[in-house]
């Protein structure tokens, strides 16, 4: 009877022991990080389908007014008073151009924020000599999918975000997320490109994918434990119950 009891106990515990093993190298982020490391320089570049807020101001408001004539009213959702703001917006078309008042078509795709501001100032210098330009990308967002605690699409308020910050917004990876093979999908020059990133290694900080670009998609694939458990999981309880029943009947029979 004792042998049967121990046998049934081991049969019951074996699946849990199998799935509980995990190595540190597969879980811990940025292993062997050095005390100082240079990160890759990154500046967000304007892309087709971006929505830009561009406001031209001057010491003489009457001079800059014609360049702020196509305002769109946006509701301020963070305010309880229901106030709305007038924001000058422009859609970058598929060829990279915006339709700017008076100056007409201006190509901004491929420019960084500072480069775009310099270009606009150059084109405005004969009309608004002291032009001050405020430019922002309003629809900057990233999408995080797969084995994270809060998958979804996240709007970004700043001008850049790191991969680690994006994972933080998504509630971090689950224990089943594959940390050494994260897929990043990005669009460049009208083409979709993809890159695999290993965040368990410290050298990924110097990767061109350490910072995410607008509309990047980050996918965390499940590890082998999750894949195996998706097959075993629904059946393991039934199997253990059936096996326990067989062992019990056998024990009663020989008793």
Protein backbone atom coordinates (compact mmCIF):
# COMPACT_ATOMS: atom_id res chain seq x y z
CA UNK A 1 0.00 0.00 0.00
CA UNK A 2 2.83 2.41 0.84
CA UNK A 3 4.44 1.80 -2.54
CA UNK A 4 1.14 2.48 -4.29
CA UNK A 5 0.64 5.65 -2.24
CA UNK A 6 4.11 6.99 -3.10
CA UNK A 7 3.65 6.04 -6.75
CA UNK A 8 0.35 7.90 -7.02
CA UNK A 9 1.86 10.95 -5.26
CA UNK A 10 4.78 11.13 -7.69
CA UNK A 11 2.44 10.71 -10.65
CA UNK A 12 0.39 13.64 -9.36
CA UNK A 13 3.41 15.92 -8.73
CA UNK A 14 5.43 15.08 -11.86
CA UNK A 15 3.61 17.49 -14.27
CA UNK A 16 4.07 20.38 -11.83
CA UNK A 17 7.75 19.65 -11.38
CA UNK A 18 8.19 19.49 -15.14
CA UNK A 19 6.62 22.88 -15.80
CA UNK A 20 8.22 24.65 -12.82
CA UNK A 21 11.80 24.50 -14.09
CA UNK A 22 13.11 27.74 -15.60
CA UNK A 23 16.65 29.06 -16.02
CA UNK A 24 17.72 32.53 -14.90
CA UNK A 25 19.15 33.26 -18.36
CA UNK A 26 15.68 33.05 -19.91
CA UNK A 27 13.98 35.35 -17.41
CA UNK A 28 16.29 38.16 -16.22
CA UNK A 29 16.52 41.35 -18.32
CA UNK A 30 19.79 43.04 -19.39
CA UNK A 31 22.17 40.49 -17.94
CA UNK A 32 25.84 41.40 -17.41
CA UNK A 33 25.06 45.10 -17.80
CA UNK A 34 28.08 47.36 -17.47
CA UNK A 35 28.01 50.47 -15.29
CA UNK A 36 28.11 52.90 -18.21
CA UNK A 37 26.89 52.35 -21.74
CA UNK A 38 26.19 54.68 -24.64
CA UNK A 39 22.72 54.30 -26.06
CA UNK A 40 22.05 54.78 -29.74
CA UNK A 41 20.96 58.26 -30.75
CA UNK A 42 17.38 58.42 -31.85
CA UNK A 43 15.14 61.15 -33.20
CA UNK A 44 11.60 60.51 -34.36
CA UNK A 45 11.09 61.18 -38.07
CA UNK A 46 7.83 62.31 -39.62
CA UNK A 47 6.06 59.62 -41.68
CA UNK A 48 3.08 59.43 -44.03
CA UNK A 49 -0.26 59.33 -42.17
CA UNK A 50 1.15 61.28 -39.24
CA UNK A 51 -1.11 64.00 -37.88
CA UNK A 52 0.92 67.09 -37.09
CA UNK A 53 0.04 70.03 -34.90
CA UNK A 54 1.80 73.11 -36.30
CA UNK A 55 1.32 76.53 -34.77
CA UNK A 56 3.10 79.60 -36.13
CA UNK A 57 3.48 82.54 -33.78
CA UNK A 58 5.10 85.97 -34.02
CA UNK A 59 5.47 89.15 -32.00
CA UNK A 60 2.86 90.54 -34.37
CA UNK A 61 -0.09 88.09 -34.25
CA UNK A 62 -1.62 89.58 -37.39
CA UNK A 63 1.42 88.50 -39.42
CA UNK A 64 1.29 84.87 -38.30
CA UNK A 65 -2.54 84.58 -38.26
CA UNK A 66 -2.90 83.52 -41.95
CA UNK A 67 -0.75 80.45 -41.25
CA UNK A 68 -3.05 79.29 -38.46
CA UNK A 69 -6.30 79.52 -40.34
CA UNK A 70 -7.33 75.86 -40.51
CA UNK A 71 -7.85 75.05 -36.86
CA UNK A 72 -9.55 71.89 -35.66
CA UNK A 73 -11.40 71.82 -32.36
CA UNK A 74 -10.34 68.96 -30.11
CA UNK A 75 -12.20 68.05 -26.93
CA UNK A 76 -10.03 68.03 -23.83
CA UNK A 77 -10.96 64.66 -22.35
CA UNK A 78 -8.78 65.19 -19.28
CA UNK A 79 -10.77 68.20 -18.17
CA UNK A 80 -14.02 67.91 -16.23
CA UNK A 81 -15.14 71.28 -17.50
CA UNK A 82 -15.48 69.97 -21.05
CA UNK A 83 -13.19 72.67 -22.43
CA UNK A 84 -11.95 72.38 -26.01
CA UNK A 85 -8.70 73.49 -27.57
CA UNK A 86 -8.04 74.95 -31.00
CA UNK A 87 -5.16 73.02 -32.53
CA UNK A 88 -3.73 73.49 -36.00
CA UNK A 89 -3.50 70.02 -37.56
CA UNK A 90 -2.11 68.64 -40.82
CA UNK A 91 -2.25 65.12 -42.23
CA UNK A 92 0.93 63.94 -43.92
CA UNK A 93 -0.22 62.35 -47.18
CA UNK A 94 1.09 59.10 -48.67
CA UNK A 95 3.79 61.02 -50.55
CA UNK A 96 4.97 62.79 -47.40
CA UNK A 97 3.45 66.24 -48.05
CA UNK A 98 1.25 68.53 -45.98
CA UNK A 99 -0.98 71.28 -47.38
CA UNK A 100 0.22 74.42 -45.58
CA UNK A 101 -1.66 77.74 -45.74
CA UNK A 102 -0.35 80.11 -48.44
CA UNK A 103 2.85 78.09 -48.95
CA UNK A 104 0.81 75.11 -50.25
CA UNK A 105 2.47 71.68 -50.45
CA UNK A 106 5.53 71.11 -48.25
CA UNK A 107 7.24 67.74 -47.92
CA UNK A 108 7.99 66.87 -44.28
CA UNK A 109 8.18 63.08 -44.42
CA UNK A 110 11.64 61.86 -43.42
CA UNK A 111 12.43 65.00 -41.42
CA UNK A 112 12.97 65.08 -37.69
CA UNK A 113 11.02 67.60 -35.65
CA UNK A 114 13.90 70.08 -35.58
CA UNK A 115 14.57 69.68 -39.29
CA UNK A 116 10.90 70.24 -40.10
CA UNK A 117 10.81 73.39 -37.97
CA UNK A 118 13.95 74.73 -39.67
CA UNK A 119 12.43 74.03 -43.10
CA UNK A 120 9.20 75.83 -42.24
CA UNK A 121 11.09 78.82 -40.84
CA UNK A 122 13.13 79.01 -44.04
CA UNK A 123 10.01 79.02 -46.19
CA UNK A 124 8.32 81.59 -43.94
CA UNK A 125 11.25 83.99 -43.56
CA UNK A 126 10.03 86.34 -46.30
CA UNK A 127 6.56 86.46 -44.72
CA UNK A 128 7.12 86.06 -40.97
CA UNK A 129 10.68 87.12 -40.18
CA UNK A 130 10.51 86.27 -36.48
CA UNK A 131 8.44 83.11 -36.82
CA UNK A 132 8.30 80.77 -33.85
CA UNK A 133 6.97 77.30 -34.70
CA UNK A 134 5.55 74.66 -32.40
CA UNK A 135 5.29 71.22 -34.03
CA UNK A 136 4.09 67.93 -32.53
CA UNK A 137 3.07 64.49 -33.81
CA UNK A 138 -0.42 63.97 -32.38
CA UNK A 139 -1.01 60.33 -33.31
CA UNK A 140 2.25 58.85 -31.97
CA UNK A 141 1.32 55.40 -30.73
CA UNK A 142 2.77 51.92 -30.28
CA UNK A 143 1.08 48.52 -30.06
CA UNK A 144 2.18 45.72 -27.72
CA UNK A 145 0.73 42.23 -28.26
CA UNK A 146 1.26 38.69 -27.05
CA UNK A 147 2.52 37.56 -23.64
CA UNK A 148 2.17 40.82 -21.71
CA UNK A 149 -0.21 41.60 -18.88
CA UNK A 150 -1.99 44.46 -20.66
CA UNK A 151 -1.80 44.09 -24.46
CA UNK A 152 -3.09 47.01 -26.48
CA UNK A 153 -2.31 50.21 -28.36
CA UNK A 154 -0.81 53.04 -26.33
CA UNK A 155 -0.65 56.74 -27.27
CA UNK A 156 2.73 58.32 -26.56
CA UNK A 157 2.84 61.89 -25.28
CA UNK A 158 6.62 62.38 -25.53
CA UNK A 159 8.75 62.41 -28.67
CA UNK A 160 10.28 58.98 -28.14
CA UNK A 161 9.85 55.83 -26.06
CA UNK A 162 12.15 52.89 -25.36
CA UNK A 163 11.20 49.26 -25.78
CA UNK A 164 11.46 48.73 -22.02
CA UNK A 165 9.16 51.70 -21.36
CA UNK A 166 6.63 50.30 -23.82
CA UNK A 167 6.72 46.91 -22.08
CA UNK A 168 6.25 48.73 -18.79
CA UNK A 169 3.13 50.45 -20.10
CA UNK A 170 1.81 47.04 -21.13
CA UNK A 171 2.27 45.71 -17.59
CA UNK A 172 5.54 43.85 -18.36
CA UNK A 173 5.89 40.37 -19.83
CA UNK A 174 4.12 37.45 -18.26
CA UNK A 175 6.28 34.62 -16.96
CA UNK A 176 5.49 32.82 -20.22
CA UNK A 177 6.81 35.58 -22.49
CA UNK A 178 9.87 34.82 -24.60
CA UNK A 179 12.35 37.51 -23.60
CA UNK A 180 15.14 36.61 -26.00
CA UNK A 181 13.16 36.81 -29.24
CA UNK A 182 10.87 39.87 -29.15
CA UNK A 183 9.53 40.82 -32.57
CA UNK A 184 9.32 44.50 -33.58
CA UNK A 185 7.46 45.39 -36.79
CA UNK A 186 8.15 48.83 -38.27
CA UNK A 187 7.33 50.69 -41.45
CA UNK A 188 10.16 52.51 -43.24
CA UNK A 189 9.92 54.10 -46.66
CA UNK A 190 6.58 52.44 -47.30
CA UNK A 191 7.86 48.94 -46.50
CA UNK A 192 7.21 46.73 -43.49
CA UNK A 193 10.39 45.52 -41.82
CA UNK A 194 10.84 43.34 -38.75
CA UNK A 195 13.58 42.78 -36.21
CA UNK A 196 14.11 40.33 -33.36
CA UNK A 197 15.41 41.74 -30.07
CA UNK A 198 16.88 39.92 -27.06
CA UNK A 199 16.27 41.98 -23.91
CA UNK A 200 18.14 39.50 -21.73
CA UNK A 201 21.39 40.82 -23.25
CA UNK A 202 22.73 44.24 -22.29
CA UNK A 203 23.96 45.03 -25.82
CA UNK A 204 20.40 45.53 -27.07
CA UNK A 205 20.60 49.02 -25.51
CA UNK A 206 22.81 50.00 -28.45
CA UNK A 207 20.38 48.57 -31.00
CA UNK A 208 18.49 50.83 -33.40
CA UNK A 209 15.36 49.20 -31.97
CA UNK A 210 16.03 50.26 -28.38
CA UNK A 211 13.84 53.28 -29.14
CA UNK A 212 10.50 52.64 -30.82
CA UNK A 213 9.19 54.68 -33.74
CA UNK A 214 5.57 55.78 -34.09
CA UNK A 215 3.19 52.95 -35.04
CA UNK A 216 5.70 50.20 -34.15
CA UNK A 217 4.15 46.85 -33.24
CA UNK A 218 5.84 44.80 -30.50
CA UNK A 219 4.94 41.10 -30.28
CA UNK A 220 5.95 38.84 -27.41
CA UNK A 221 5.68 35.20 -28.39
CA UNK A 222 4.92 32.48 -25.80
CA UNK A 223 7.71 30.22 -24.60
CA UNK A 224 7.68 26.42 -24.83
CA UNK A 225 6.14 26.06 -21.39
CA UNK A 226 3.09 28.09 -22.41
CA UNK A 227 2.80 26.30 -25.76
CA UNK A 228 3.01 22.90 -24.10
CA UNK A 229 0.61 23.85 -21.33
CA UNK A 230 -1.93 25.06 -23.87
CA UNK A 231 -2.13 21.47 -25.08
CA UNK A 232 -1.63 19.67 -21.79
CA UNK A 233 -3.54 22.10 -19.58
CA UNK A 234 -7.14 21.28 -20.55
CA UNK A 235 -6.48 17.54 -20.29
CA UNK A 236 -4.12 17.27 -17.32
CA UNK A 237 -6.83 17.57 -14.65
CA UNK A 238 -8.91 14.88 -16.32
CA UNK A 239 -5.85 12.66 -16.73
CA UNK A 240 -4.77 13.03 -13.11
CA UNK A 241 -8.31 12.32 -11.89
CA UNK A 242 -8.58 9.23 -14.06
CA UNK A 243 -5.15 7.99 -12.99
CA UNK A 244 -5.97 8.55 -9.32
CA UNK A 245 -9.20 6.61 -9.76
CA UNK A 246 -7.34 3.69 -11.37
CA UNK A 247 -4.74 3.66 -8.56
CA UNK A 248 -7.48 3.77 -5.91
CA UNK A 249 -9.42 0.91 -7.52
CA UNK A 250 -6.22 -1.11 -7.84
CA UNK A 251 -5.36 -0.49 -4.18
CA UNK A 252 -8.84 -1.54 -3.05
CA UNK A 253 -8.73 -4.63 -5.23
CA UNK A 254 -5.44 -5.96 -3.88
CA UNK A 255 -6.44 -5.05 -0.37
